[in-house]
Amino acid sequence: METTVDELAARVRRVLAGSADAVPRILLGLCGAPGSGKSTLAAALVERLGAGTAVIVPMDGFHLATDLIRGTPLAERRGAIDTFDPGSYLSLLRRLRARDEDVVYAPSFRRGLEEPIAASIAVPRGVPVVITEGNYLLADAPVWRELRGELDAVWFVDTPDAVRLPRLIGRHVSFGRDAADAAAFARGSDQANADLIDRTRERADLILRLAD
């Protein structure tokens, strides 16, 4: 469906308003291929909902560290499903759902460094909306398939390749790759990941395309 950020924010507010919990919490997943606009949409939703209402916890915080994969085949495929730590991600989602702690600290991913940064995002108990965005939220693979049960909803961000690929190549260039290498990576390893991700879309609660 074609929609807008305002319409999606209103959808989240309706779910909160309809919750039977005295202090509700929604775990919302945003899934899509590299360059589809997941991070941009997540940030826009937080802006609409308010910083005290929503916080972003990115799947990218669970990248394996560069030092760990350096010199292995994984280094050339960073961003593939087997270059993440899904067990730790699953554990974090369960902690966020349980709300047994005053604050849960989550990792982020620092572009430029291209490294996960531990305990860099604070999620206080009272924040009602946790938005987690990443490529493989709907993957049907060991451990990964358990993520879906911890999320109240997963929205798949469907972006045409004619928009997504130039955006993705530009992002790679902005973080230090030359143009040829950026294009090769986007059309090679990134595209293989995108193809896998696209096959998971039917597991989403909503397949959305943002209106221009």
C-alpha atoms as a PDB file:
ATOM      1  CA  MET A   1       0.000   0.000   0.000  1.00  0.00           C
ATOM      2  CA  GLU A   2       1.125   3.547  -0.663  1.00  0.00           C
ATOM      3  CA  THR A   3       1.144   5.631   2.478  1.00  0.00           C
ATOM      4  CA  THR A   4       2.774   8.559   4.285  1.00  0.00           C
ATOM      5  CA  VAL A   5       4.741   8.929   7.495  1.00  0.00           C
ATOM      6  CA  ASP A   6       1.835  10.822   9.060  1.00  0.00           C
ATOM      7  CA  GLU A   7      -0.554   7.968   8.271  1.00  0.00           C
ATOM      8  CA  LEU A   8       1.852   5.423   9.728  1.00  0.00           C
ATOM      9  CA  ALA A   9       2.347   7.482  12.895  1.00  0.00           C
ATOM     10  CA  ALA A  10      -1.428   7.705  13.266  1.00  0.00           C
ATOM     11  CA  ARG A  11      -1.616   3.920  12.955  1.00  0.00           C
ATOM     12  CA  VAL A  12       0.853   3.546  15.842  1.00  0.00           C
ATOM     13  CA  ARG A  13      -1.112   6.016  17.975  1.00  0.00           C
ATOM     14  CA  ARG A  14      -4.314   4.033  17.385  1.00  0.00           C
ATOM     15  CA  VAL A  15      -2.646   0.837  18.573  1.00  0.00           C
ATOM     16  CA  LEU A  16      -1.392   2.584  21.712  1.00  0.00           C
ATOM     17  CA  ALA A  17      -4.812   4.063  22.406  1.00  0.00           C
ATOM     18  CA  GLY A  18      -6.443   0.657  22.047  1.00  0.00           C
ATOM     19  CA  SER A  19      -4.041  -1.144  24.379  1.00  0.00           C
ATOM     20  CA  ALA A  20      -5.483  -2.669  27.531  1.00  0.00           C
ATOM     21  CA  ASP A  21      -2.167  -2.234  29.355  1.00  0.00           C
ATOM     22  CA  ALA A  22      -1.914   0.595  31.870  1.00  0.00           C
ATOM     23  CA  VAL A  23       1.542   1.403  30.485  1.00  0.00           C
ATOM     24  CA  PRO A  24       1.545   0.023  26.944  1.00  0.00           C
ATOM     25  CA  ARG A  25       4.582  -0.920  24.899  1.00  0.00           C
ATOM     26  CA  ILE A  26       4.709  -1.710  21.189  1.00  0.00           C
ATOM     27  CA  LEU A  27       7.695  -3.348  19.522  1.00  0.00           C
ATOM     28  CA  LEU A  28       7.468  -2.365  15.859  1.00  0.00           C
ATOM     29  CA  GLY A  29       9.797  -3.829  13.254  1.00  0.00           C
ATOM     30  CA  LEU A  30      10.725  -2.148   9.976  1.00  0.00           C
ATOM     31  CA  CYS A  31      12.173  -4.549   7.422  1.00  0.00           C
ATOM     32  CA  GLY A  32      13.450  -4.050   3.890  1.00  0.00           C
ATOM     33  CA  ALA A  33      16.396  -4.306   1.549  1.00  0.00           C
ATOM     34  CA  PRO A  34      19.573  -2.243   1.959  1.00  0.00           C
ATOM     35  CA  GLY A  35      18.823   1.330   0.913  1.00  0.00           C
ATOM     36  CA  SER A  36      15.048   0.924   1.149  1.00  0.00           C
ATOM     37  CA  GLY A  37      14.720   3.777   3.642  1.00  0.00           C
ATOM     38  CA  LYS A  38      14.135   1.871   6.882  1.00  0.00           C
ATOM     39  CA  SER A  39      16.347   4.123   8.992  1.00  0.00           C
ATOM     40  CA  THR A  40      14.871   7.271   7.469  1.00  0.00           C
ATOM     41  CA  LEU A  41      11.336   6.049   8.123  1.00  0.00           C
ATOM     42  CA  ALA A  42      12.200   5.050  11.693  1.00  0.00           C
ATOM     43  CA  ALA A  43      13.644   8.503  12.400  1.00  0.00           C
ATOM     44  CA  ALA A  44      10.616  10.193  10.836  1.00  0.00           C
ATOM     45  CA  LEU A  45       8.246   8.130  12.981  1.00  0.00           C
ATOM     46  CA  VAL A  46      10.144   9.075  16.138  1.00  0.00           C
ATOM     47  CA  GLU A  47       9.932  12.729  15.105  1.00  0.00           C
ATOM     48  CA  ARG A  48       6.158  12.471  14.607  1.00  0.00           C
ATOM     49  CA  LEU A  49       5.508  10.434  17.748  1.00  0.00           C
ATOM     50  CA  GLY A  50       7.912  12.377  19.979  1.00  0.00           C
ATOM     51  CA  ALA A  51      11.271  11.459  21.487  1.00  0.00           C
ATOM     52  CA  GLY A  52       9.664  10.565  24.819  1.00  0.00           C
ATOM     53  CA  THR A  53       7.225   8.249  23.077  1.00  0.00           C
ATOM     54  CA  ALA A  54       9.454   6.290  20.702  1.00  0.00           C
ATOM     55  CA  VAL A  55      13.054   5.127  20.436  1.00  0.00           C
ATOM     56  CA  ILE A  56      14.959   3.341  17.667  1.00  0.00           C
ATOM     57  CA  VAL A  57      16.923   0.149  18.300  1.00  0.00           C
ATOM     58  CA  PRO A  58      18.672  -0.865  15.054  1.00  0.00           C
ATOM     59  CA  MET A  59      19.459  -4.449  14.092  1.00  0.00           C
ATOM     60  CA  ASP A  60      22.759  -3.095  12.750  1.00  0.00           C
ATOM     61  CA  GLY A  61      24.003  -2.813  16.331  1.00  0.00           C
ATOM     62  CA  PHE A  62      24.446  -6.581  16.163  1.00  0.00           C
ATOM     63  CA  HIS A  63      26.944  -6.619  13.300  1.00  0.00           C
ATOM     64  CA  LEU A  64      29.942  -8.816  14.042  1.00  0.00           C
ATOM     65  CA  ALA A  65      32.952  -6.603  14.748  1.00  0.00           C
ATOM     66  CA  THR A  66      35.435  -5.956  11.953  1.00  0.00           C
ATOM     67  CA  ASP A  67      38.323  -7.413  13.961  1.00  0.00           C
ATOM     68  CA  LEU A  68      36.389 -10.646  14.424  1.00  0.00           C
ATOM     69  CA  ILE A  69      35.764 -11.262  10.727  1.00  0.00           C
ATOM     70  CA  ARG A  70      38.925  -9.703   9.276  1.00  0.00           C
ATOM     71  CA  GLY A  71      40.741 -12.233   7.088  1.00  0.00           C
ATOM     72  CA  THR A  72      37.685 -14.494   6.783  1.00  0.00           C
ATOM     73  CA  PRO A  73      35.213 -14.863   3.884  1.00  0.00           C
ATOM     74  CA  LEU A  74      32.666 -12.958   5.981  1.00  0.00           C
ATOM     75  CA  ALA A  75      34.673  -9.754   5.611  1.00  0.00           C
ATOM     76  CA  GLU A  76      33.827  -9.547   1.910  1.00  0.00           C
ATOM     77  CA  ARG A  77      30.126 -10.093   2.598  1.00  0.00           C
ATOM     78  CA  ARG A  78      29.599  -7.808   5.556  1.00  0.00           C
ATOM     79  CA  GLY A  79      25.883  -7.163   5.827  1.00  0.00           C
ATOM     80  CA  ALA A  80      24.924 -10.731   4.889  1.00  0.00           C
ATOM     81  CA  ILE A  81      22.712 -12.597   7.328  1.00  0.00           C
ATOM     82  CA  ASP A  82      25.614 -14.606   8.765  1.00  0.00           C
ATOM     83  CA  THR A  83      27.586 -11.466   9.666  1.00  0.00           C
ATOM     84  CA  PHE A  84      25.225 -10.626  12.541  1.00  0.00           C
ATOM     85  CA  ASP A  85      24.663 -11.985  16.060  1.00  0.00           C
ATOM     86  CA  PRO A  86      20.941 -12.858  16.062  1.00  0.00           C
ATOM     87  CA  GLY A  87      21.036 -14.521  19.482  1.00  0.00           C
ATOM     88  CA  SER A  88      22.043 -11.310  21.224  1.00  0.00           C
ATOM     89  CA  TYR A  89      19.481  -9.362  19.206  1.00  0.00           C
ATOM     90  CA  LEU A  90      16.745 -11.800  20.228  1.00  0.00           C
ATOM     91  CA  SER A  91      17.789 -11.529  23.881  1.00  0.00           C
ATOM     92  CA  LEU A  92      17.574  -7.742  23.714  1.00  0.00           C
ATOM     93  CA  LEU A  93      14.080  -7.824  22.201  1.00  0.00           C
ATOM     94  CA  ARG A  94      12.949 -10.137  24.987  1.00  0.00           C
ATOM     95  CA  ARG A  95      14.346  -7.761  27.612  1.00  0.00           C
ATOM     96  CA  LEU A  96      12.570  -4.848  25.950  1.00  0.00           C
ATOM     97  CA  ARG A  97       9.314  -6.786  25.966  1.00  0.00           C
ATOM     98  CA  ALA A  98       9.676  -7.939  29.589  1.00  0.00           C
ATOM     99  CA  ARG A  99      10.267  -4.400  30.936  1.00  0.00           C
ATOM    100  CA  ASP A 100      11.853  -5.770  34.102  1.00  0.00           C
ATOM    101  CA  GLU A 101      14.572  -3.097  34.116  1.00  0.00           C
ATOM    102  CA  ASP A 102      14.349   0.648  34.622  1.00  0.00           C
ATOM    103  CA  VAL A 103      16.538   1.170  31.550  1.00  0.00           C
ATOM    104  CA  VAL A 104      17.706  -1.256  28.882  1.00  0.00           C
ATOM    105  CA  TYR A 105      20.856  -0.240  27.015  1.00  0.00           C
ATOM    106  CA  ALA A 106      21.091  -1.253  23.366  1.00  0.00           C
ATOM    107  CA  PRO A 107      23.919  -1.084  20.822  1.00  0.00           C
ATOM    108  CA  SER A 108      23.968   1.230  17.827  1.00  0.00           C
ATOM    109  CA  PHE A 109      25.981   1.083  14.604  1.00  0.00           C
ATOM    110  CA  ARG A 110      28.330   3.953  13.869  1.00  0.00           C
ATOM    111  CA  ARG A 111      28.555   4.744  10.167  1.00  0.00           C
ATOM    112  CA  GLY A 112      32.026   5.924   9.255  1.00  0.00           C
ATOM    113  CA  LEU A 113      33.563   3.658  11.874  1.00  0.00           C
ATOM    114  CA  GLU A 114      31.431   0.845  10.459  1.00  0.00           C
ATOM    115  CA  GLU A 115      31.325  -0.719  13.906  1.00  0.00           C
ATOM    116  CA  PRO A 116      28.662  -1.556  16.507  1.00  0.00           C
ATOM    117  CA  ILE A 117      28.854   0.578  19.651  1.00  0.00           C
ATOM    118  CA  ALA A 118      27.711  -1.203  22.808  1.00  0.00           C
ATOM    119  CA  ALA A 119      25.267   0.343  25.292  1.00  0.00           C
ATOM    120  CA  SER A 120      24.853   3.542  23.269  1.00  0.00           C
ATOM    121  CA  ILE A 121      21.030   3.699  23.186  1.00  0.00           C
ATOM    122  CA  ALA A 122      18.967   4.023  26.370  1.00  0.00           C
ATOM    123  CA  VAL A 123      15.442   2.617  26.404  1.00  0.00           C
ATOM    124  CA  PRO A 124      13.689   3.679  29.638  1.00  0.00           C
ATOM    125  CA  ARG A 125      10.919   1.452  30.949  1.00  0.00           C
ATOM    126  CA  GLY A 126       8.301   4.145  30.313  1.00  0.00           C
ATOM    127  CA  VAL A 127       8.921   4.560  26.570  1.00  0.00           C
ATOM    128  CA  PRO A 128       5.868   3.012  24.900  1.00  0.00           C
ATOM    129  CA  VAL A 129       7.142   2.516  21.331  1.00  0.00           C
ATOM    130  CA  VAL A 130      10.349   0.708  20.390  1.00  0.00           C
ATOM    131  CA  ILE A 131      11.088   0.757  16.668  1.00  0.00           C
ATOM    132  CA  THR A 132      13.634  -1.776  15.517  1.00  0.00           C
ATOM    133  CA  GLU A 133      14.749  -1.695  11.907  1.00  0.00           C
ATOM    134  CA  GLY A 134      16.832  -4.145   9.951  1.00  0.00           C
ATOM    135  CA  ASN A 135      17.164  -6.381   6.943  1.00  0.00           C
ATOM    136  CA  TYR A 136      16.377  -9.796   8.358  1.00  0.00           C
ATOM    137  CA  LEU A 137      13.495  -9.358  10.797  1.00  0.00           C
ATOM    138  CA  LEU A 138      11.358 -11.777   8.768  1.00  0.00           C
ATOM    139  CA  ALA A 139      14.056 -14.298   7.860  1.00  0.00           C
ATOM    140  CA  ASP A 140      13.079 -17.953   8.162  1.00  0.00           C
ATOM    141  CA  ALA A 141      16.397 -19.192   9.531  1.00  0.00           C
ATOM    142  CA  PRO A 142      17.528 -20.580  12.902  1.00  0.00           C
ATOM    143  CA  VAL A 143      17.249 -17.978  15.688  1.00  0.00           C
ATOM    144  CA  TRP A 144      16.163 -15.311  13.186  1.00  0.00           C
ATOM    145  CA  ARG A 145      12.689 -16.835  12.880  1.00  0.00           C
ATOM    146  CA  GLU A 146      12.195 -16.350  16.636  1.00  0.00           C
ATOM    147  CA  LEU A 147      12.451 -12.564  16.289  1.00  0.00           C
ATOM    148  CA  ARG A 148       8.999 -12.354  14.734  1.00  0.00           C
ATOM    149  CA  GLY A 149       7.348 -13.621  17.904  1.00  0.00           C
ATOM    150  CA  GLU A 150       8.838 -10.764  19.931  1.00  0.00           C
ATOM    151  CA  LEU A 151       7.525  -8.044  17.602  1.00  0.00           C
ATOM    152  CA  ASP A 152       3.947  -6.778  17.694  1.00  0.00           C
ATOM    153  CA  ALA A 153       4.077  -5.873  14.016  1.00  0.00           C
ATOM    154  CA  VAL A 154       6.584  -5.870  11.176  1.00  0.00           C
ATOM    155  CA  TRP A 155       6.234  -3.477   8.252  1.00  0.00           C
ATOM    156  CA  PHE A 156       8.097  -4.178   5.018  1.00  0.00           C
ATOM    157  CA  VAL A 157       9.426  -1.070   3.283  1.00  0.00           C
ATOM    158  CA  ASP A 158       9.081  -1.688  -0.461  1.00  0.00           C
ATOM    159  CA  THR A 159      11.250   0.701  -2.480  1.00  0.00           C
ATOM    160  CA  PRO A 160      11.797   0.381  -6.256  1.00  0.00           C
ATOM    161  CA  ASP A 161      15.332  -0.588  -7.252  1.00  0.00           C
ATOM    162  CA  ALA A 162      15.472   2.509  -9.458  1.00  0.00           C
ATOM    163  CA  VAL A 163      15.323   4.554  -6.246  1.00  0.00           C
ATOM    164  CA  ARG A 164      17.013   2.160  -3.843  1.00  0.00           C
ATOM    165  CA  LEU A 165      20.200   1.324  -5.769  1.00  0.00           C
ATOM    166  CA  PRO A 166      21.391   4.903  -6.464  1.00  0.00           C
ATOM    167  CA  ARG A 167      20.654   5.763  -2.836  1.00  0.00           C
ATOM    168  CA  LEU A 168      22.634   2.745  -1.634  1.00  0.00           C
ATOM    169  CA  ILE A 169      25.593   3.449  -3.918  1.00  0.00           C
ATOM    170  CA  GLY A 170      25.630   7.063  -2.745  1.00  0.00           C
ATOM    171  CA  ARG A 171      25.687   5.913   0.865  1.00  0.00           C
ATOM    172  CA  HIS A 172      28.661   3.638   0.232  1.00  0.00           C
ATOM    173  CA  VAL A 173      30.510   6.503  -1.470  1.00  0.00           C
ATOM    174  CA  SER A 174      29.746   8.859   1.415  1.00  0.00           C
ATOM    175  CA  PHE A 175      31.412   6.419   3.811  1.00  0.00           C
ATOM    176  CA  GLY A 176      34.622   6.057   1.851  1.00  0.00           C
ATOM    177  CA  ARG A 177      34.216   3.629  -1.048  1.00  0.00           C
ATOM    178  CA  ASP A 178      35.122   4.866  -4.511  1.00  0.00           C
ATOM    179  CA  ALA A 179      32.268   4.998  -7.022  1.00  0.00           C
ATOM    180  CA  ALA A 180      33.196   1.794  -8.870  1.00  0.00           C
ATOM    181  CA  ASP A 181      33.645  -0.227  -5.681  1.00  0.00           C
ATOM    182  CA  ALA A 182      30.410   1.176  -4.237  1.00  0.00           C
ATOM    183  CA  ALA A 183      28.447   0.180  -7.339  1.00  0.00           C
ATOM    184  CA  ALA A 184      30.014  -3.292  -7.420  1.00  0.00           C
ATOM    185  CA  PHE A 185      29.214  -3.919  -3.746  1.00  0.00           C
ATOM    186  CA  ALA A 186      25.642  -2.637  -4.102  1.00  0.00           C
ATOM    187  CA  ARG A 187      24.994  -4.824  -7.144  1.00  0.00           C
ATOM    188  CA  GLY A 188      26.885  -7.810  -5.729  1.00  0.00           C
ATOM    189  CA  SER A 189      26.790  -8.672  -2.031  1.00  0.00           C
ATOM    190  CA  ASP A 190      24.084  -6.115  -1.208  1.00  0.00           C
ATOM    191  CA  GLN A 191      21.875  -7.342  -4.047  1.00  0.00           C
ATOM    192  CA  ALA A 192      22.197 -10.965  -2.936  1.00  0.00           C
ATOM    193  CA  ASN A 193      21.018  -9.834   0.502  1.00  0.00           C
ATOM    194  CA  ALA A 194      18.192  -7.812  -1.053  1.00  0.00           C
ATOM    195  CA  ASP A 195      16.993 -10.868  -2.978  1.00  0.00           C
ATOM    196  CA  LEU A 196      16.866 -12.919   0.226  1.00  0.00           C
ATOM    197  CA  ILE A 197      15.045 -10.137   2.064  1.00  0.00           C
ATOM    198  CA  ASP A 198      12.501  -9.730  -0.726  1.00  0.00           C
ATOM    199  CA  ARG A 199      11.518 -13.381  -0.374  1.00  0.00           C
ATOM    200  CA  THR A 200      10.478 -12.698   3.249  1.00  0.00           C
ATOM    201  CA  ARG A 201       8.045  -9.878   2.498  1.00  0.00           C
ATOM    202  CA  GLU A 202       4.923 -12.046   2.647  1.00  0.00           C
ATOM    203  CA  ARG A 203       5.506 -12.587   6.374  1.00  0.00           C
ATOM    204  CA  ALA A 204       5.056  -8.857   7.028  1.00  0.00           C
ATOM    205  CA  ASP A 205       1.907  -7.403   8.576  1.00  0.00           C
ATOM    206  CA  LEU A 206       2.070  -4.492   6.150  1.00  0.00           C
ATOM    207  CA  ILE A 207       3.923  -3.973   2.873  1.00  0.00           C
ATOM    208  CA  LEU A 208       4.266  -0.245   2.373  1.00  0.00           C
ATOM    209  CA  ARG A 209       5.604   2.163  -0.181  1.00  0.00           C
ATOM    210  CA  LEU A 210       6.043   5.756   0.927  1.00  0.00           C
ATOM    211  CA  ALA A 211       4.300   8.314  -1.250  1.00  0.00           C
ATOM    212  CA  ASP A 212       6.529  10.931  -2.876  1.00  0.00           C
END
